[in-house]
């Protein structure tokens, strides 16, 4: 282990100790992957990551707080269609994309304001609130987010004002599991986000919360002090990926792209199965996380352990019920549909979707279909999935 890697490990250990002193059962991997999304942006790449966990589980006060101290990060409490860009020239309350560092260079061309070279990381503290927005407002916000993801946003307003923004923005958002009950979320926004799911913590966490009552500000201050040198000393040069890890990340990307594919079922019958998205965009984001994990630890090459971390993101990005059935299909023991913990109708529904996508074939026992076999076995990710689930 080189000097940089050894020093980074010590810094990580200090942060984990602080987190464990403040919380019970806090998920270190959840923190690590969020940090990777941030550092991936610093490497010149881009990540859109959605942290899904029940309320009061540390995703905001812990995970998001740990990155809020960085100069390129802007934390947003409330998100509306007016948050990102305004309809007025020199507005009293300009949109986030009109301010540093997101605004980049500002120029004026007649009635058009041009912002070029914007660069930063947006952090949304509660993305699940978008489900309660009026349809028209949400549609406008999602349209803005789609264009921001693609690197360019142009808008015209009834005020006669016109604005053109271009740049690179990463997004890390927190949400409660209520987002899973928003069935048209990805259809409206498009499949822009990868996901990480956090678990609920129990009784001991309540005791710990009482013990630490009143220490929150001191914890946040110390957390920021420990995080700054981690990011400051992370590698910035090119991180390489070996052929084996490239193959594994490509397989995980294909699993996500196919596994979250849309299957339209009406009155118990499949009426439409559009061809799934291509895996290219997902592959880039998974590779970004893997490279950033290596760089954060002071390594110049991606290792299998980074791919195993990223495997969590791939599995968590899949619809939950589908993921459970896929994992049951590759488990060492034979499991049929009734052997899972899914309610009968939910299990049948998920199975039908996976069957149509050719990821599963039989349900007695659950087994991989043609496409599932190709992805899991031929792409060589079944072993990675099994290592992660252990």
Protein backbone atom coordinates (compact mmCIF):
# COMPACT_ATOMS: atom_id res chain seq x y z
CA UNK A 1 0.00 0.00 0.00
CA UNK A 2 1.44 3.36 -1.06
CA UNK A 3 1.80 6.33 1.24
CA UNK A 4 -1.24 8.12 -0.21
CA UNK A 5 -3.44 5.03 0.06
CA UNK A 6 -2.30 4.37 3.63
CA UNK A 7 -2.97 7.96 4.67
CA UNK A 8 -6.37 7.94 3.00
CA UNK A 9 -7.29 4.72 4.80
CA UNK A 10 -6.49 6.38 8.12
CA UNK A 11 -8.65 9.36 7.18
CA UNK A 12 -11.53 7.08 6.21
CA UNK A 13 -11.20 5.14 9.46
CA UNK A 14 -11.41 8.40 11.44
CA UNK A 15 -14.59 9.43 9.60
CA UNK A 16 -16.20 6.02 10.07
CA UNK A 17 -15.39 6.15 13.79
CA UNK A 18 -17.01 9.57 14.10
CA UNK A 19 -20.10 8.33 12.22
CA UNK A 20 -20.35 5.22 14.41
CA UNK A 21 -20.09 7.35 17.54
CA UNK A 22 -23.05 9.41 16.35
CA UNK A 23 -25.25 6.70 14.83
CA UNK A 24 -26.00 3.01 15.35
CA UNK A 25 -25.64 0.66 12.41
CA UNK A 26 -24.85 3.40 9.94
CA UNK A 27 -24.09 2.09 6.47
CA UNK A 28 -20.48 2.97 5.59
CA UNK A 29 -20.96 1.84 2.01
CA UNK A 30 -23.81 4.30 1.56
CA UNK A 31 -21.50 7.14 2.59
CA UNK A 32 -18.66 5.83 0.45
CA UNK A 33 -20.79 5.68 -2.71
CA UNK A 34 -22.14 9.19 -2.16
CA UNK A 35 -18.56 10.43 -1.76
CA UNK A 36 -17.65 8.61 -4.97
CA UNK A 37 -20.41 10.48 -6.82
CA UNK A 38 -18.90 13.76 -5.61
CA UNK A 39 -15.34 12.85 -6.49
CA UNK A 40 -16.43 11.45 -9.85
CA UNK A 41 -17.57 14.97 -10.67
CA UNK A 42 -14.17 16.30 -9.62
CA UNK A 43 -12.57 13.82 -12.03
CA UNK A 44 -14.46 15.54 -14.83
CA UNK A 45 -17.26 12.98 -15.05
CA UNK A 46 -20.90 13.17 -13.96
CA UNK A 47 -23.16 11.29 -11.52
CA UNK A 48 -26.87 11.46 -10.80
CA UNK A 49 -27.53 9.48 -7.65
CA UNK A 50 -30.76 9.06 -5.66
CA UNK A 51 -30.45 7.97 -2.02
CA UNK A 52 -33.67 6.20 -1.01
CA UNK A 53 -34.19 5.49 2.69
CA UNK A 54 -36.90 5.85 5.35
CA UNK A 55 -37.13 9.14 7.25
CA UNK A 56 -34.78 9.67 10.18
CA UNK A 57 -32.13 7.19 9.03
CA UNK A 58 -29.21 9.60 8.59
CA UNK A 59 -29.34 10.19 4.83
CA UNK A 60 -29.70 13.96 5.24
CA UNK A 61 -28.02 14.72 8.57
CA UNK A 62 -25.27 12.20 7.89
CA UNK A 63 -24.65 11.41 4.22
CA UNK A 64 -25.65 14.71 2.63
CA UNK A 65 -24.17 16.73 5.49
CA UNK A 66 -20.79 15.05 4.92
CA UNK A 67 -20.52 16.64 1.46
CA UNK A 68 -22.26 19.96 2.13
CA UNK A 69 -18.98 21.64 3.14
CA UNK A 70 -17.50 21.42 -0.37
CA UNK A 71 -17.31 24.60 -2.46
CA UNK A 72 -18.91 23.09 -5.57
CA UNK A 73 -21.90 21.67 -3.66
CA UNK A 74 -25.19 23.56 -3.38
CA UNK A 75 -27.75 22.08 -0.96
CA UNK A 76 -31.37 22.79 -1.89
CA UNK A 77 -34.13 22.34 0.68
CA UNK A 78 -37.15 22.92 -1.53
CA UNK A 79 -37.27 22.20 -5.24
CA UNK A 80 -39.76 23.90 -7.60
CA UNK A 81 -39.86 24.74 -11.30
CA UNK A 82 -38.43 28.18 -10.41
CA UNK A 83 -35.46 26.92 -8.35
CA UNK A 84 -33.03 26.28 -11.16
CA UNK A 85 -33.58 29.18 -13.55
CA UNK A 86 -35.68 32.37 -13.39
CA UNK A 87 -37.73 34.14 -16.05
CA UNK A 88 -36.32 37.61 -15.38
CA UNK A 89 -33.10 39.37 -16.31
CA UNK A 90 -31.11 40.24 -13.18
CA UNK A 91 -33.87 38.76 -11.05
CA UNK A 92 -33.89 39.64 -7.35
CA UNK A 93 -33.84 35.91 -6.63
CA UNK A 94 -31.95 34.31 -9.54
CA UNK A 95 -32.09 30.61 -10.23
CA UNK A 96 -29.34 28.32 -9.00
CA UNK A 97 -27.96 27.90 -12.53
CA UNK A 98 -27.48 31.67 -12.77
CA UNK A 99 -25.14 31.86 -9.77
CA UNK A 100 -21.57 30.67 -9.20
CA UNK A 101 -20.33 28.03 -9.70
CA UNK A 102 -23.24 26.81 -11.82
CA UNK A 103 -23.61 29.94 -13.97
CA UNK A 104 -20.13 29.84 -15.43
CA UNK A 105 -19.41 32.79 -17.71
CA UNK A 106 -22.35 35.19 -18.24
CA UNK A 107 -22.75 37.13 -21.49
CA UNK A 108 -25.62 39.11 -22.98
CA UNK A 109 -26.88 38.92 -26.58
CA UNK A 110 -29.89 41.23 -27.06
CA UNK A 111 -32.68 39.82 -24.89
CA UNK A 112 -30.78 36.57 -24.39
CA UNK A 113 -28.59 35.84 -21.38
CA UNK A 114 -26.00 33.12 -22.00
CA UNK A 115 -24.41 31.12 -19.19
CA UNK A 116 -21.59 28.87 -20.38
CA UNK A 117 -19.21 26.53 -18.61
CA UNK A 118 -21.36 26.05 -15.51
CA UNK A 119 -20.04 23.35 -13.22
CA UNK A 120 -21.19 22.08 -9.83
CA UNK A 121 -23.05 19.53 -7.74
CA UNK A 122 -26.69 19.99 -6.75
CA UNK A 123 -27.88 18.26 -3.58
CA UNK A 124 -31.65 17.93 -3.10
CA UNK A 125 -32.58 17.15 0.51
CA UNK A 126 -36.02 15.66 -0.22
CA UNK A 127 -36.68 14.74 -3.82
CA UNK A 128 -39.81 12.75 -2.92
CA UNK A 129 -41.76 16.03 -2.63
CA UNK A 130 -41.88 16.26 -6.44
CA UNK A 131 -44.62 13.61 -6.41
CA UNK A 132 -46.93 16.11 -4.69
CA UNK A 133 -46.34 18.91 -7.20
CA UNK A 134 -49.03 19.93 -9.64
CA UNK A 135 -48.64 18.01 -12.88
CA UNK A 136 -47.83 21.11 -14.96
CA UNK A 137 -45.21 22.37 -12.48
CA UNK A 138 -43.61 18.94 -12.16
CA UNK A 139 -43.55 18.57 -15.93
CA UNK A 140 -41.66 21.86 -16.26
CA UNK A 141 -39.20 20.90 -13.52
CA UNK A 142 -38.56 17.47 -15.04
CA UNK A 143 -38.08 19.05 -18.46
CA UNK A 144 -35.43 21.33 -16.97
CA UNK A 145 -33.69 18.42 -15.22
CA UNK A 146 -33.61 16.33 -18.41
CA UNK A 147 -31.96 19.16 -20.31
CA UNK A 148 -29.53 19.91 -17.49
CA UNK A 149 -28.52 16.24 -17.48
CA UNK A 150 -27.86 16.51 -21.20
CA UNK A 151 -25.73 19.61 -20.64
CA UNK A 152 -27.83 22.43 -22.09
CA UNK A 153 -30.98 24.27 -21.00
CA UNK A 154 -32.68 26.96 -23.09
CA UNK A 155 -35.89 28.70 -22.01
CA UNK A 156 -38.05 31.57 -23.20
CA UNK A 157 -40.52 33.44 -20.98
CA UNK A 158 -43.54 35.66 -21.50
CA UNK A 159 -41.43 38.48 -20.07
CA UNK A 160 -39.53 38.51 -23.35
CA UNK A 161 -36.46 37.16 -21.59
CA UNK A 162 -34.49 34.29 -23.10
CA UNK A 163 -31.78 32.29 -21.36
CA UNK A 164 -29.34 29.66 -22.53
CA UNK A 165 -27.32 27.63 -20.02
CA UNK A 166 -24.68 25.02 -20.77
CA UNK A 167 -22.43 23.12 -18.42
CA UNK A 168 -21.92 19.98 -16.35
CA UNK A 169 -23.97 19.32 -13.24
CA UNK A 170 -24.05 16.26 -11.01
CA UNK A 171 -27.04 15.63 -8.76
CA UNK A 172 -27.21 13.79 -5.46
CA UNK A 173 -30.75 13.63 -4.11
CA UNK A 174 -32.33 12.10 -1.04
CA UNK A 175 -35.80 10.62 -1.00
CA UNK A 176 -38.04 8.56 1.22
CA UNK A 177 -39.34 5.24 -0.22
CA UNK A 178 -42.46 7.20 -1.19
CA UNK A 179 -40.69 7.72 -4.52
CA UNK A 180 -41.33 4.02 -5.21
CA UNK A 181 -45.07 4.73 -5.06
CA UNK A 182 -44.70 7.30 -7.83
CA UNK A 183 -45.09 4.86 -10.74
CA UNK A 184 -44.61 7.40 -13.53
CA UNK A 185 -41.49 8.99 -12.01
CA UNK A 186 -38.97 7.54 -14.45
CA UNK A 187 -41.40 7.75 -17.36
CA UNK A 188 -41.79 11.50 -16.79
CA UNK A 189 -38.18 12.30 -15.93
CA UNK A 190 -36.51 9.59 -17.94
CA UNK A 191 -34.07 7.06 -16.53
CA UNK A 192 -31.57 9.65 -15.34
CA UNK A 193 -30.88 8.51 -11.77
CA UNK A 194 -29.03 5.54 -10.36
CA UNK A 195 -30.18 4.60 -6.85
CA UNK A 196 -28.81 3.49 -3.51
CA UNK A 197 -31.21 2.19 -0.89
CA UNK A 198 -30.65 2.60 2.83
CA UNK A 199 -32.31 0.50 5.51
CA UNK A 200 -34.27 1.44 8.60
CA UNK A 201 -32.40 1.23 11.91
CA UNK A 202 -34.09 0.07 15.11
CA UNK A 203 -34.38 0.62 18.84
CA UNK A 204 -30.67 1.10 19.55
CA UNK A 205 -30.62 4.05 17.16
CA UNK A 206 -33.31 5.73 19.28
CA UNK A 207 -31.18 5.35 22.40
CA UNK A 208 -28.15 6.72 20.57
CA UNK A 209 -30.18 9.71 19.34
CA UNK A 210 -31.13 10.55 22.94
CA UNK A 211 -27.51 10.20 24.09
CA UNK A 212 -26.33 12.57 21.37
CA UNK A 213 -29.10 15.13 21.85
CA UNK A 214 -27.60 18.61 21.50
CA UNK A 215 -24.34 17.41 19.91
CA UNK A 216 -25.50 17.65 16.30
CA UNK A 217 -23.73 20.94 15.50
CA UNK A 218 -20.43 19.72 16.96
CA UNK A 219 -20.79 16.46 15.00
CA UNK A 220 -21.36 18.33 11.73
CA UNK A 221 -18.39 20.60 12.35
CA UNK A 222 -16.09 17.66 13.07
CA UNK A 223 -17.48 15.74 10.09
CA UNK A 224 -16.63 18.63 7.78
CA UNK A 225 -13.13 18.88 9.24
CA UNK A 226 -12.50 15.18 8.56
CA UNK A 227 -14.04 15.16 5.09
CA UNK A 228 -12.13 18.09 3.62
CA UNK A 229 -8.69 16.37 3.69
CA UNK A 230 -10.17 13.17 2.24
CA UNK A 231 -11.33 15.02 -0.88
CA UNK A 232 -8.26 17.27 -0.93
CA UNK A 233 -5.90 14.27 -1.01
CA UNK A 234 -7.89 12.00 -3.33
CA UNK A 235 -6.16 11.30 -6.64
CA UNK A 236 -7.08 13.53 -9.57
CA UNK A 237 -5.14 11.86 -12.37
CA UNK A 238 -6.51 9.27 -14.79
CA UNK A 239 -7.74 6.09 -13.11
CA UNK A 240 -7.48 2.95 -15.24
CA UNK A 241 -9.88 0.01 -15.43
CA UNK A 242 -8.65 -3.48 -16.24
CA UNK A 243 -10.38 -5.50 -18.95
CA UNK A 244 -11.99 -7.83 -16.38
CA UNK A 245 -13.50 -4.95 -14.42
CA UNK A 246 -14.65 -3.29 -17.66
CA UNK A 247 -16.50 -6.50 -18.57
CA UNK A 248 -18.08 -6.69 -15.11
CA UNK A 249 -19.22 -3.06 -15.15
CA UNK A 250 -20.60 -3.52 -18.66
CA UNK A 251 -22.58 -6.55 -17.49
CA UNK A 252 -23.99 -4.62 -14.52
CA UNK A 253 -24.97 -1.76 -16.84
CA UNK A 254 -26.82 -4.15 -19.14
CA UNK A 255 -28.59 -5.68 -16.12
CA UNK A 256 -29.80 -2.22 -15.07
CA UNK A 257 -30.80 -1.16 -18.57
CA UNK A 258 -32.82 -4.31 -19.24
CA UNK A 259 -33.98 -4.94 -15.67
CA UNK A 260 -35.72 -1.59 -15.29
CA UNK A 261 -37.24 -1.78 -18.76
CA UNK A 262 -40.89 -0.78 -19.09
CA UNK A 263 -43.47 -3.56 -19.38
CA UNK A 264 -47.09 -2.43 -19.76
CA UNK A 265 -49.59 -4.83 -18.16
CA UNK A 266 -53.33 -4.15 -18.37
CA UNK A 267 -56.02 -6.35 -16.85
CA UNK A 268 -53.41 -8.99 -16.08
CA UNK A 269 -52.17 -9.15 -19.68
CA UNK A 270 -48.95 -7.78 -21.13
CA UNK A 271 -49.94 -5.25 -23.79
CA UNK A 272 -46.58 -3.67 -24.58
CA UNK A 273 -42.88 -4.38 -24.01
CA UNK A 274 -40.78 -1.61 -25.53
CA UNK A 275 -37.14 -2.37 -26.25
CA UNK A 276 -35.10 -1.42 -23.15
CA UNK A 277 -32.71 1.54 -23.11
CA UNK A 278 -29.14 1.01 -24.25
CA UNK A 279 -26.58 0.38 -21.49
CA UNK A 280 -24.08 3.06 -22.50
CA UNK A 281 -25.18 5.87 -20.19
CA UNK A 282 -25.51 3.54 -17.21
CA UNK A 283 -22.10 2.02 -17.96
CA UNK A 284 -20.48 5.48 -17.89
CA UNK A 285 -22.03 6.31 -14.52
CA UNK A 286 -21.12 2.95 -12.95
CA UNK A 287 -17.56 3.31 -14.26
CA UNK A 288 -17.46 6.86 -12.85
CA UNK A 289 -18.33 5.57 -9.38
CA UNK A 290 -15.79 2.73 -9.63
CA UNK A 291 -13.00 5.10 -10.72
CA UNK A 292 -13.87 7.59 -8.00
CA UNK A 293 -13.84 4.88 -5.32
CA UNK A 294 -10.32 3.95 -6.38
CA UNK A 295 -9.19 7.59 -6.52
CA UNK A 296 -10.63 8.35 -3.08
CA UNK A 297 -8.57 5.50 -1.64
CA UNK A 298 -5.40 6.70 -3.37
CA UNK A 299 -5.32 3.94 -6.02
CA UNK A 300 -4.70 4.44 -9.74
CA UNK A 301 -6.58 1.35 -10.85
CA UNK A 302 -10.09 0.00 -10.30
CA UNK A 303 -10.19 -3.31 -8.42
CA UNK A 304 -12.87 -5.96 -8.04
CA UNK A 305 -13.79 -4.57 -4.60
CA UNK A 306 -14.79 -1.29 -6.28
CA UNK A 307 -17.00 -3.21 -8.70
CA UNK A 308 -18.61 -5.03 -5.76
CA UNK A 309 -19.43 -1.65 -4.17
CA UNK A 310 -20.87 -0.44 -7.47
CA UNK A 311 -22.85 -3.68 -7.78
CA UNK A 312 -24.98 -2.37 -4.93
CA UNK A 313 -25.92 0.67 -7.00
CA UNK A 314 -26.85 -1.53 -9.95
CA UNK A 315 -29.07 -3.81 -7.85
CA UNK A 316 -30.63 -0.91 -5.93
CA UNK A 317 -31.46 0.85 -9.21
CA UNK A 318 -33.61 -2.08 -10.30
CA UNK A 319 -37.26 -2.08 -9.19
CA UNK A 320 -37.17 -3.74 -5.76
CA UNK A 321 -39.50 -6.66 -6.47
CA UNK A 322 -37.73 -7.52 -9.72
CA UNK A 323 -34.37 -7.41 -7.95
CA UNK A 324 -35.57 -9.87 -5.29
CA UNK A 325 -36.67 -12.37 -7.93
CA UNK A 326 -33.43 -12.05 -9.90
CA UNK A 327 -31.39 -12.68 -6.75
CA UNK A 328 -33.56 -15.68 -5.94
CA UNK A 329 -32.93 -17.04 -9.45
CA UNK A 330 -29.13 -17.01 -8.96
CA UNK A 331 -29.18 -18.20 -5.35
CA UNK A 332 -27.33 -21.51 -4.67
CA UNK A 333 -30.56 -23.20 -3.53
CA UNK A 334 -33.67 -23.59 -5.67
CA UNK A 335 -36.38 -21.05 -4.82
CA UNK A 336 -39.84 -20.79 -6.36
CA UNK A 337 -42.05 -17.73 -6.41
CA UNK A 338 -43.82 -18.68 -3.19
CA UNK A 339 -40.46 -19.00 -1.44
CA UNK A 340 -39.77 -15.26 -1.64
CA UNK A 341 -41.02 -12.69 0.88
CA UNK A 342 -43.09 -10.90 -1.76
CA UNK A 343 -46.89 -10.77 -1.53
CA UNK A 344 -48.42 -13.16 -4.07
CA UNK A 345 -49.77 -10.57 -6.50
CA UNK A 346 -46.63 -8.40 -6.29
CA UNK A 347 -44.46 -11.46 -6.94
CA UNK A 348 -46.56 -12.58 -9.91
CA UNK A 349 -46.50 -9.06 -11.34
CA UNK A 350 -42.72 -8.78 -11.05
CA UNK A 351 -42.25 -12.26 -12.51
CA UNK A 352 -44.41 -11.44 -15.56
CA UNK A 353 -42.35 -8.33 -16.21
CA UNK A 354 -39.03 -10.18 -15.93
CA UNK A 355 -40.37 -13.02 -18.09
CA UNK A 356 -41.33 -10.56 -20.83
CA UNK A 357 -37.87 -9.01 -20.63
CA UNK A 358 -36.42 -12.54 -20.98
CA UNK A 359 -34.54 -12.18 -17.71
CA UNK A 360 -36.44 -15.06 -16.09
CA UNK A 361 -37.84 -18.21 -17.65
CA UNK A 362 -39.37 -20.50 -15.00
CA UNK A 363 -40.91 -19.71 -11.62
CA UNK A 364 -40.86 -23.30 -10.27
CA UNK A 365 -38.03 -22.87 -9.41
CA UNK A 366 -37.09 -19.34 -10.39
CA UNK A 367 -34.47 -19.53 -13.12
CA UNK A 368 -32.80 -17.18 -15.57
CA UNK A 369 -34.17 -16.66 -19.05
CA UNK A 370 -32.17 -16.31 -22.25
CA UNK A 371 -31.30 -12.67 -21.65
CA UNK A 372 -30.76 -13.21 -17.94
CA UNK A 373 -28.30 -16.04 -18.61
CA UNK A 374 -26.47 -13.95 -21.18
CA UNK A 375 -26.06 -11.05 -18.76
CA UNK A 376 -25.36 -12.97 -15.56
CA UNK A 377 -23.21 -15.79 -16.91
CA UNK A 378 -21.75 -14.64 -20.20
CA UNK A 379 -20.95 -11.13 -18.91
CA UNK A 380 -19.44 -12.68 -15.79
CA UNK A 381 -21.35 -10.77 -13.16
CA UNK A 382 -23.11 -13.62 -11.35
CA UNK A 383 -20.04 -14.07 -9.12
CA UNK A 384 -19.93 -10.32 -8.42
CA UNK A 385 -23.62 -10.32 -7.49
CA UNK A 386 -23.17 -13.30 -5.20
CA UNK A 387 -20.10 -11.74 -3.54
CA UNK A 388 -22.05 -8.56 -2.89
CA UNK A 389 -25.11 -10.31 -1.49
CA UNK A 390 -22.94 -12.25 0.95
